[in-house]
Amino acid sequence: MSLRLDNDLESAIREHQNTTALLVALGVLIGVGVAAWMLSRPPRDTVRSEDPEAPLFI
C-alpha cells in the first residue's frame, strides 16, 4: 500500500511540475510578445514647442 501511495504522489508531483513549467513558458511567451508589440509601435505624437517658456498645457 505504501508503494502505491508513493507512486501516486510522485506522479502527482510530476504532473504539477509539468503544468507549472507549461504555464510559466506560456507567460514568458505572452510577455515577450507584448513587449515586442509595444516596442514595434511607432512613437506617439507629442506636442513640441520651440519656445522653452511656452506653457505645458495649451
N, C-alpha and C. Protein backbone atom coordinates (compact mmCIF):
# COMPACT_ATOMS: atom_id res chain seq x y z
N MET A 1 0.83 -1.20 0.00
CA MET A 1 0.00 0.00 0.00
C MET A 1 0.87 1.26 0.00
N SER A 2 1.93 1.24 0.74
CA SER A 2 2.80 2.41 0.82
C SER A 2 3.48 2.69 -0.52
N LEU A 3 3.85 1.64 -1.22
CA LEU A 3 4.49 1.81 -2.52
C LEU A 3 3.53 2.45 -3.51
N ARG A 4 2.26 2.06 -3.45
CA ARG A 4 1.25 2.65 -4.35
C ARG A 4 1.06 4.13 -4.06
N LEU A 5 1.03 4.49 -2.77
CA LEU A 5 0.87 5.90 -2.40
C LEU A 5 2.09 6.71 -2.84
N ASP A 6 3.28 6.11 -2.71
CA ASP A 6 4.48 6.80 -3.16
C ASP A 6 4.44 7.04 -4.66
N ASN A 7 4.01 6.05 -5.41
CA ASN A 7 3.92 6.20 -6.86
C ASN A 7 2.88 7.25 -7.24
N ASP A 8 1.74 7.24 -6.54
CA ASP A 8 0.70 8.24 -6.81
C ASP A 8 1.21 9.66 -6.51
N LEU A 9 1.94 9.78 -5.40
CA LEU A 9 2.47 11.09 -5.02
C LEU A 9 3.51 11.56 -6.04
N GLU A 10 4.38 10.68 -6.47
CA GLU A 10 5.39 11.05 -7.46
C GLU A 10 4.76 11.47 -8.78
N SER A 11 3.73 10.74 -9.20
CA SER A 11 3.08 11.11 -10.46
C SER A 11 2.34 12.44 -10.33
N ALA A 12 1.75 12.69 -9.16
CA ALA A 12 1.06 13.98 -8.95
C ALA A 12 2.07 15.12 -8.95
N ILE A 13 3.21 14.92 -8.33
CA ILE A 13 4.24 15.96 -8.31
C ILE A 13 4.76 16.21 -9.72
N ARG A 14 5.00 15.15 -10.49
CA ARG A 14 5.47 15.32 -11.86
C ARG A 14 4.45 16.07 -12.70
N GLU A 15 3.17 15.73 -12.52
CA GLU A 15 2.11 16.41 -13.28
C GLU A 15 2.07 17.90 -12.91
N HIS A 16 2.21 18.19 -11.63
CA HIS A 16 2.20 19.57 -11.18
C HIS A 16 3.40 20.33 -11.73
N GLN A 17 4.56 19.70 -11.74
CA GLN A 17 5.75 20.35 -12.28
C GLN A 17 5.59 20.63 -13.77
N ASN A 18 5.03 19.66 -14.49
CA ASN A 18 4.82 19.86 -15.93
C ASN A 18 3.85 20.99 -16.19
N THR A 19 2.76 21.03 -15.43
CA THR A 19 1.77 22.09 -15.59
C THR A 19 2.37 23.45 -15.28
N THR A 20 3.13 23.51 -14.19
CA THR A 20 3.76 24.77 -13.81
C THR A 20 4.74 25.24 -14.89
N ALA A 21 5.56 24.32 -15.39
CA ALA A 21 6.53 24.68 -16.43
C ALA A 21 5.82 25.17 -17.68
N LEU A 22 4.72 24.52 -18.04
CA LEU A 22 3.96 24.93 -19.22
C LEU A 22 3.37 26.32 -19.03
N LEU A 23 2.80 26.59 -17.87
CA LEU A 23 2.21 27.91 -17.62
C LEU A 23 3.26 29.01 -17.56
N VAL A 24 4.42 28.72 -16.99
CA VAL A 24 5.50 29.71 -16.95
C VAL A 24 5.98 30.02 -18.36
N ALA A 25 6.16 28.97 -19.17
CA ALA A 25 6.62 29.18 -20.54
C ALA A 25 5.59 29.99 -21.33
N LEU A 26 4.31 29.70 -21.13
CA LEU A 26 3.26 30.44 -21.81
C LEU A 26 3.26 31.91 -21.37
N GLY A 27 3.46 32.16 -20.09
CA GLY A 27 3.51 33.53 -19.59
C GLY A 27 4.70 34.29 -20.15
N VAL A 28 5.84 33.62 -20.26
CA VAL A 28 7.02 34.27 -20.83
C VAL A 28 6.79 34.60 -22.30
N LEU A 29 6.21 33.67 -23.04
CA LEU A 29 5.93 33.93 -24.46
C LEU A 29 4.97 35.10 -24.64
N ILE A 30 3.93 35.15 -23.82
CA ILE A 30 2.97 36.25 -23.92
C ILE A 30 3.66 37.57 -23.55
N GLY A 31 4.48 37.56 -22.51
CA GLY A 31 5.18 38.77 -22.09
C GLY A 31 6.13 39.27 -23.15
N VAL A 32 6.88 38.36 -23.76
CA VAL A 32 7.81 38.76 -24.82
C VAL A 32 7.04 39.28 -26.03
N GLY A 33 5.92 38.65 -26.34
CA GLY A 33 5.11 39.11 -27.47
C GLY A 33 4.55 40.50 -27.23
N VAL A 34 4.05 40.76 -26.04
CA VAL A 34 3.51 42.09 -25.73
C VAL A 34 4.64 43.13 -25.74
N ALA A 35 5.80 42.78 -25.19
CA ALA A 35 6.92 43.73 -25.19
C ALA A 35 7.37 44.03 -26.62
N ALA A 36 7.44 43.02 -27.46
CA ALA A 36 7.85 43.24 -28.85
C ALA A 36 6.82 44.10 -29.58
N TRP A 37 5.54 43.86 -29.30
CA TRP A 37 4.49 44.67 -29.93
C TRP A 37 4.57 46.12 -29.48
N MET A 38 4.81 46.34 -28.18
CA MET A 38 4.90 47.71 -27.67
C MET A 38 6.11 48.43 -28.26
N LEU A 39 7.23 47.71 -28.40
CA LEU A 39 8.44 48.35 -28.92
C LEU A 39 8.36 48.59 -30.42
N SER A 40 7.54 47.82 -31.13
CA SER A 40 7.46 47.98 -32.58
C SER A 40 6.46 49.06 -32.99
N ARG A 41 5.67 49.55 -32.05
CA ARG A 41 4.70 50.59 -32.38
C ARG A 41 5.43 51.90 -32.67
N PRO A 42 4.89 52.69 -33.59
CA PRO A 42 5.53 53.99 -33.85
C PRO A 42 5.34 54.90 -32.63
N PRO A 43 6.27 55.82 -32.44
CA PRO A 43 6.14 56.72 -31.29
C PRO A 43 4.90 57.60 -31.43
N ARG A 44 4.33 57.93 -30.31
CA ARG A 44 3.14 58.78 -30.31
C ARG A 44 3.53 60.22 -30.61
N ASP A 45 2.62 60.92 -31.22
CA ASP A 45 2.86 62.34 -31.50
C ASP A 45 2.88 63.10 -30.18
N THR A 46 3.85 63.98 -30.06
CA THR A 46 3.94 64.80 -28.86
C THR A 46 3.85 66.26 -29.27
N VAL A 47 3.37 67.05 -28.35
CA VAL A 47 3.28 68.49 -28.59
C VAL A 47 4.66 69.06 -28.33
N ARG A 48 5.24 69.64 -29.36
CA ARG A 48 6.57 70.23 -29.22
C ARG A 48 6.46 71.73 -29.45
N SER A 49 7.22 72.43 -28.68
CA SER A 49 7.20 73.88 -28.80
C SER A 49 8.63 74.37 -28.95
N GLU A 50 8.80 75.39 -29.78
CA GLU A 50 10.13 75.96 -29.96
C GLU A 50 10.48 76.88 -28.79
N ASP A 51 9.47 77.41 -28.14
CA ASP A 51 9.68 78.36 -27.05
C ASP A 51 9.76 77.59 -25.73
N PRO A 52 10.91 77.64 -25.05
CA PRO A 52 11.00 76.91 -23.76
C PRO A 52 10.13 77.51 -22.67
N GLU A 53 9.69 78.75 -22.86
CA GLU A 53 8.84 79.39 -21.87
C GLU A 53 7.35 79.15 -22.14
N ALA A 54 7.04 78.41 -23.18
CA ALA A 54 5.65 78.17 -23.53
C ALA A 54 4.99 77.32 -22.42
N PRO A 55 3.69 77.53 -22.21
CA PRO A 55 3.01 76.74 -21.17
C PRO A 55 2.95 75.26 -21.58
N LEU A 56 2.97 74.40 -20.58
CA LEU A 56 2.93 72.96 -20.85
C LEU A 56 1.55 72.52 -21.31
N PHE A 57 0.52 73.18 -20.78
CA PHE A 57 -0.84 72.79 -21.14
C PHE A 57 -1.46 73.90 -21.95
N ILE A 58 -1.91 73.54 -23.12
CA ILE A 58 -2.48 74.56 -24.02
C ILE A 58 -3.98 74.44 -24.00
